[in-house]
Amino acid sequence: MERATRFSQVSPPRQALIRLFQSIDFGYLEGLEVRGGEPVFNPAPIVLVEVKLDAGPQPRPEADLADFELRSEVVRLMDQFDRLGDGSIERIDVRHGVPRRVLIERPIRGVRR
């Protein structure tokens, strides 16, 4: 499978997630389910938005674009979804509308009991 590097190349659920990151700008997404490598919004994840009281909101310039180049962090997150397949993303830290860090729940493999 060819790696998507543009917004128009990703699936609608992934596009919705990218738009959600842009709307959060600064904050966190918690409890995101992934099924078949795609983000699922039922049940809805928890969105926590950081509000800077010393500055007004700055809209993401790409939020109004129909297509744009994906940031490398977004591409790497999508790769994580593909590897995960089915599972849970505990937390995604969002900075400037871009996912910066992710906490993924994974089963323990290869450990003897």
N, C-alpha and C. Protein backbone atom coordinates (compact mmCIF):
# COMPACT_ATOMS: atom_id res chain seq x y z
N MET A 1 0.85 -1.18 0.00
CA MET A 1 0.00 0.00 0.00
C MET A 1 0.89 1.24 0.00
N GLU A 2 0.53 2.19 -0.85
CA GLU A 2 1.30 3.43 -0.95
C GLU A 2 0.97 4.33 0.23
N ARG A 3 1.99 4.95 0.78
CA ARG A 3 1.84 5.82 1.94
C ARG A 3 1.22 7.16 1.51
N ALA A 4 0.11 7.52 2.15
CA ALA A 4 -0.57 8.78 1.86
C ALA A 4 0.22 9.94 2.46
N THR A 5 0.45 10.96 1.67
CA THR A 5 1.17 12.14 2.16
C THR A 5 0.36 13.42 1.99
N ARG A 6 -0.83 13.30 1.40
CA ARG A 6 -1.70 14.46 1.22
C ARG A 6 -3.05 14.18 1.86
N PHE A 7 -3.72 15.23 2.30
CA PHE A 7 -5.02 15.13 2.95
C PHE A 7 -6.01 14.37 2.06
N SER A 8 -6.03 14.67 0.78
CA SER A 8 -6.98 14.06 -0.14
C SER A 8 -6.76 12.56 -0.33
N GLN A 9 -5.61 12.05 0.08
CA GLN A 9 -5.28 10.64 -0.11
C GLN A 9 -5.71 9.75 1.06
N VAL A 10 -6.13 10.34 2.17
CA VAL A 10 -6.51 9.53 3.33
C VAL A 10 -8.02 9.32 3.35
N SER A 11 -8.44 8.29 4.05
CA SER A 11 -9.85 7.92 4.14
C SER A 11 -10.67 9.01 4.83
N PRO A 12 -11.98 9.03 4.61
CA PRO A 12 -12.82 10.01 5.31
C PRO A 12 -12.70 9.97 6.84
N PRO A 13 -12.61 8.79 7.49
CA PRO A 13 -12.43 8.83 8.95
C PRO A 13 -11.11 9.48 9.36
N ARG A 14 -10.07 9.25 8.60
CA ARG A 14 -8.78 9.88 8.90
C ARG A 14 -8.82 11.38 8.63
N GLN A 15 -9.53 11.77 7.58
CA GLN A 15 -9.71 13.20 7.31
C GLN A 15 -10.46 13.86 8.47
N ALA A 16 -11.50 13.19 8.97
CA ALA A 16 -12.26 13.74 10.10
C ALA A 16 -11.36 13.90 11.33
N LEU A 17 -10.47 12.95 11.55
CA LEU A 17 -9.55 13.04 12.69
C LEU A 17 -8.58 14.21 12.51
N ILE A 18 -8.06 14.38 11.31
CA ILE A 18 -7.14 15.49 11.04
C ILE A 18 -7.86 16.82 11.25
N ARG A 19 -9.09 16.93 10.80
CA ARG A 19 -9.87 18.16 11.01
C ARG A 19 -10.12 18.38 12.51
N LEU A 20 -10.33 17.30 13.25
CA LEU A 20 -10.52 17.41 14.69
C LEU A 20 -9.24 17.96 15.34
N PHE A 21 -8.07 17.45 14.94
CA PHE A 21 -6.81 17.98 15.45
C PHE A 21 -6.71 19.47 15.19
N GLN A 22 -7.07 19.89 13.99
CA GLN A 22 -6.99 21.31 13.64
C GLN A 22 -7.92 22.14 14.52
N SER A 23 -9.10 21.60 14.82
CA SER A 23 -10.05 22.35 15.66
C SER A 23 -9.60 22.41 17.11
N ILE A 24 -8.89 21.38 17.57
CA ILE A 24 -8.37 21.36 18.95
C ILE A 24 -7.26 22.39 19.09
N ASP A 25 -6.38 22.46 18.11
CA ASP A 25 -5.19 23.32 18.08
C ASP A 25 -4.22 22.95 19.20
N PHE A 26 -4.57 23.19 20.46
CA PHE A 26 -3.77 22.79 21.62
C PHE A 26 -4.67 21.99 22.56
N GLY A 27 -4.28 20.77 22.87
CA GLY A 27 -5.07 19.97 23.78
C GLY A 27 -4.78 18.49 23.63
N TYR A 28 -5.80 17.70 23.92
CA TYR A 28 -5.64 16.25 23.97
C TYR A 28 -6.88 15.56 23.44
N LEU A 29 -6.68 14.40 22.88
CA LEU A 29 -7.76 13.52 22.48
C LEU A 29 -7.55 12.23 23.27
N GLU A 30 -8.58 11.78 23.97
CA GLU A 30 -8.45 10.59 24.82
C GLU A 30 -9.52 9.57 24.45
N GLY A 31 -9.11 8.29 24.48
CA GLY A 31 -10.07 7.21 24.28
C GLY A 31 -10.51 7.03 22.85
N LEU A 32 -9.59 7.14 21.90
CA LEU A 32 -9.94 6.95 20.48
C LEU A 32 -9.81 5.48 20.13
N GLU A 33 -10.88 4.90 19.62
CA GLU A 33 -10.87 3.51 19.18
C GLU A 33 -10.43 3.45 17.72
N VAL A 34 -9.70 2.39 17.40
CA VAL A 34 -9.24 2.14 16.04
C VAL A 34 -9.71 0.75 15.64
N ARG A 35 -10.36 0.66 14.50
CA ARG A 35 -10.86 -0.62 13.98
C ARG A 35 -10.41 -0.76 12.53
N GLY A 36 -9.71 -1.84 12.23
CA GLY A 36 -9.22 -2.06 10.88
C GLY A 36 -8.27 -0.96 10.43
N GLY A 37 -7.56 -0.37 11.39
CA GLY A 37 -6.62 0.71 11.09
C GLY A 37 -7.25 2.08 10.89
N GLU A 38 -8.56 2.16 11.12
CA GLU A 38 -9.27 3.43 10.93
C GLU A 38 -9.78 3.96 12.27
N PRO A 39 -9.69 5.28 12.49
CA PRO A 39 -10.27 5.85 13.71
C PRO A 39 -11.79 5.72 13.69
N VAL A 40 -12.35 5.43 14.87
CA VAL A 40 -13.79 5.24 15.01
C VAL A 40 -14.29 6.29 16.01
N PHE A 41 -15.40 6.93 15.69
CA PHE A 41 -15.91 8.01 16.53
C PHE A 41 -17.17 7.61 17.29
N ASN A 42 -17.44 6.31 17.37
CA ASN A 42 -18.55 5.80 18.15
C ASN A 42 -18.04 4.60 18.92
N PRO A 43 -17.72 4.73 20.19
CA PRO A 43 -18.01 5.88 21.05
C PRO A 43 -17.06 7.05 20.75
N ALA A 44 -17.57 8.22 21.01
CA ALA A 44 -16.80 9.43 20.74
C ALA A 44 -15.63 9.55 21.72
N PRO A 45 -14.46 9.94 21.20
CA PRO A 45 -13.33 10.18 22.12
C PRO A 45 -13.59 11.44 22.94
N ILE A 46 -12.85 11.57 24.01
CA ILE A 46 -12.92 12.78 24.84
C ILE A 46 -11.97 13.81 24.26
N VAL A 47 -12.44 15.03 24.10
CA VAL A 47 -11.62 16.13 23.58
C VAL A 47 -11.38 17.11 24.72
N LEU A 48 -10.11 17.37 25.00
CA LEU A 48 -9.72 18.35 26.00
C LEU A 48 -8.95 19.45 25.29
N VAL A 49 -9.43 20.68 25.38
CA VAL A 49 -8.81 21.81 24.70
C VAL A 49 -8.13 22.72 25.71
N GLU A 50 -6.88 23.03 25.44
CA GLU A 50 -6.16 24.00 26.28
C GLU A 50 -6.52 25.39 25.78
N VAL A 51 -6.90 26.25 26.69
CA VAL A 51 -7.24 27.63 26.35
C VAL A 51 -6.18 28.54 26.96
N LYS A 52 -5.49 29.26 26.10
CA LYS A 52 -4.48 30.21 26.57
C LYS A 52 -5.20 31.52 26.88
N LEU A 53 -5.14 31.93 28.11
CA LEU A 53 -5.87 33.12 28.53
C LEU A 53 -5.13 34.42 28.19
N ASP A 54 -3.86 34.30 27.80
CA ASP A 54 -3.10 35.50 27.46
C ASP A 54 -3.06 35.77 25.95
N ALA A 55 -3.77 34.94 25.16
CA ALA A 55 -3.79 35.13 23.71
C ALA A 55 -5.08 34.58 23.15
N GLY A 56 -5.53 35.17 22.06
CA GLY A 56 -6.74 34.70 21.40
C GLY A 56 -6.45 33.49 20.55
N PRO A 57 -7.51 32.78 20.14
CA PRO A 57 -7.32 31.59 19.30
C PRO A 57 -6.75 31.98 17.94
N GLN A 58 -5.88 31.13 17.44
CA GLN A 58 -5.28 31.33 16.13
C GLN A 58 -5.78 30.22 15.21
N PRO A 59 -6.63 30.54 14.23
CA PRO A 59 -7.16 29.48 13.36
C PRO A 59 -6.04 28.83 12.55
N ARG A 60 -6.17 27.54 12.34
CA ARG A 60 -5.19 26.80 11.55
C ARG A 60 -5.35 27.21 10.09
N PRO A 61 -4.29 27.66 9.43
CA PRO A 61 -4.41 28.11 8.04
C PRO A 61 -4.86 27.00 7.09
N GLU A 62 -4.51 25.75 7.37
CA GLU A 62 -4.87 24.65 6.48
C GLU A 62 -6.32 24.20 6.67
N ALA A 63 -6.98 24.69 7.72
CA ALA A 63 -8.35 24.27 8.01
C ALA A 63 -9.32 24.62 6.89
N ASP A 64 -9.03 25.64 6.11
CA ASP A 64 -9.92 26.05 5.01
C ASP A 64 -9.50 25.47 3.67
N LEU A 65 -8.41 24.72 3.64
CA LEU A 65 -7.93 24.15 2.38
C LEU A 65 -8.57 22.80 2.12
N ALA A 66 -8.91 22.53 0.85
CA ALA A 66 -9.48 21.24 0.48
C ALA A 66 -8.41 20.15 0.46
N ASP A 67 -7.17 20.54 0.20
CA ASP A 67 -6.08 19.58 0.17
C ASP A 67 -4.79 20.26 0.59
N PHE A 68 -3.92 19.51 1.22
CA PHE A 68 -2.64 20.03 1.68
C PHE A 68 -1.72 18.86 2.00
N GLU A 69 -0.44 19.14 2.08
CA GLU A 69 0.56 18.14 2.44
C GLU A 69 0.42 17.82 3.92
N LEU A 70 0.42 16.54 4.25
CA LEU A 70 0.31 16.13 5.65
C LEU A 70 1.65 16.32 6.35
N ARG A 71 1.60 16.76 7.57
CA ARG A 71 2.81 16.86 8.39
C ARG A 71 3.34 15.46 8.65
N SER A 72 4.64 15.34 8.84
CA SER A 72 5.26 14.03 9.04
C SER A 72 4.68 13.34 10.28
N GLU A 73 4.31 14.10 11.31
CA GLU A 73 3.72 13.51 12.51
C GLU A 73 2.39 12.83 12.20
N VAL A 74 1.60 13.42 11.31
CA VAL A 74 0.31 12.84 10.93
C VAL A 74 0.55 11.54 10.16
N VAL A 75 1.50 11.56 9.25
CA VAL A 75 1.81 10.36 8.47
C VAL A 75 2.27 9.23 9.39
N ARG A 76 3.11 9.56 10.36
CA ARG A 76 3.58 8.53 11.31
C ARG A 76 2.43 8.01 12.18
N LEU A 77 1.50 8.89 12.57
CA LEU A 77 0.34 8.43 13.33
C LEU A 77 -0.50 7.46 12.51
N MET A 78 -0.71 7.77 11.24
CA MET A 78 -1.47 6.89 10.36
C MET A 78 -0.77 5.53 10.21
N ASP A 79 0.56 5.54 10.17
CA ASP A 79 1.33 4.29 10.15
C ASP A 79 1.08 3.48 11.43
N GLN A 80 0.99 4.17 12.56
CA GLN A 80 0.70 3.49 13.83
C GLN A 80 -0.69 2.85 13.78
N PHE A 81 -1.66 3.54 13.20
CA PHE A 81 -3.00 2.98 13.06
C PHE A 81 -2.96 1.70 12.23
N ASP A 82 -2.21 1.75 11.12
CA ASP A 82 -2.10 0.57 10.25
C ASP A 82 -1.49 -0.60 11.00
N ARG A 83 -0.46 -0.34 11.80
CA ARG A 83 0.18 -1.41 12.58
C ARG A 83 -0.73 -1.92 13.69
N LEU A 84 -1.49 -1.03 14.30
CA LEU A 84 -2.36 -1.41 15.41
C LEU A 84 -3.52 -2.28 14.93
N GLY A 85 -4.11 -1.92 13.81
CA GLY A 85 -5.27 -2.65 13.31
C GLY A 85 -6.50 -2.36 14.15
N ASP A 86 -6.70 -3.14 15.21
CA ASP A 86 -7.80 -2.93 16.14
C ASP A 86 -7.21 -2.67 17.52
N GLY A 87 -7.65 -1.58 18.14
CA GLY A 87 -7.15 -1.28 19.47
C GLY A 87 -7.60 0.08 19.95
N SER A 88 -6.91 0.55 20.98
CA SER A 88 -7.27 1.81 21.62
C SER A 88 -6.08 2.75 21.66
N ILE A 89 -6.35 3.99 21.39
CA ILE A 89 -5.38 5.06 21.57
C ILE A 89 -5.80 5.76 22.87
N GLU A 90 -4.99 5.64 23.88
CA GLU A 90 -5.33 6.23 25.16
C GLU A 90 -5.32 7.76 25.11
N ARG A 91 -4.29 8.31 24.46
CA ARG A 91 -4.16 9.77 24.46
C ARG A 91 -3.32 10.23 23.28
N ILE A 92 -3.75 11.32 22.67
CA ILE A 92 -2.98 11.99 21.62
C ILE A 92 -2.79 13.43 22.06
N ASP A 93 -1.55 13.87 22.18
CA ASP A 93 -1.25 15.26 22.49
C ASP A 93 -1.23 16.05 21.19
N VAL A 94 -1.97 17.14 21.15
CA VAL A 94 -2.08 17.97 19.95
C VAL A 94 -1.48 19.34 20.24
N ARG A 95 -0.58 19.77 19.39
CA ARG A 95 0.07 21.09 19.50
C ARG A 95 0.05 21.74 18.13
N HIS A 96 -0.47 22.97 18.07
CA HIS A 96 -0.59 23.69 16.80
C HIS A 96 -1.38 22.87 15.77
N GLY A 97 -2.38 22.13 16.23
CA GLY A 97 -3.23 21.35 15.32
C GLY A 97 -2.58 20.08 14.79
N VAL A 98 -1.44 19.70 15.36
CA VAL A 98 -0.68 18.54 14.88
C VAL A 98 -0.51 17.54 16.04
N PRO A 99 -0.76 16.25 15.79
CA PRO A 99 -0.51 15.27 16.84
C PRO A 99 1.00 15.16 17.10
N ARG A 100 1.40 15.33 18.34
CA ARG A 100 2.84 15.32 18.67
C ARG A 100 3.27 14.07 19.40
N ARG A 101 2.41 13.57 20.28
CA ARG A 101 2.74 12.36 21.05
C ARG A 101 1.48 11.51 21.15
N VAL A 102 1.68 10.21 21.22
CA VAL A 102 0.54 9.29 21.28
C VAL A 102 0.84 8.19 22.29
N LEU A 103 -0.19 7.82 23.03
CA LEU A 103 -0.09 6.74 24.01
C LEU A 103 -1.05 5.65 23.53
N ILE A 104 -0.46 4.51 23.11
CA ILE A 104 -1.22 3.43 22.49
C ILE A 104 -1.28 2.24 23.44
N GLU A 105 -2.48 1.70 23.62
CA GLU A 105 -2.63 0.48 24.40
C GLU A 105 -2.35 -0.70 23.49
N ARG A 106 -1.37 -1.52 23.90
CA ARG A 106 -1.00 -2.70 23.12
C ARG A 106 -0.97 -3.92 24.04
N PRO A 107 -1.38 -5.07 23.51
CA PRO A 107 -1.28 -6.28 24.33
C PRO A 107 0.19 -6.69 24.48
N ILE A 108 0.49 -7.33 25.58
CA ILE A 108 1.84 -7.85 25.80
C ILE A 108 1.99 -9.11 24.98
N ARG A 109 3.06 -9.19 24.22
CA ARG A 109 3.32 -10.36 23.38
C ARG A 109 4.68 -10.94 23.75
N GLY A 110 4.77 -12.23 23.69
CA GLY A 110 6.05 -12.90 23.87
C GLY A 110 6.53 -12.98 25.31
N VAL A 111 5.66 -12.73 26.27
CA VAL A 111 6.05 -12.82 27.68
C VAL A 111 5.51 -14.13 28.23
N ARG A 112 6.40 -14.91 28.80
CA ARG A 112 5.97 -16.18 29.38
C ARG A 112 5.31 -15.95 30.73
N ARG A 113 4.28 -16.70 30.98
CA ARG A 113 3.55 -16.57 32.25
C ARG A 113 3.99 -17.62 33.22
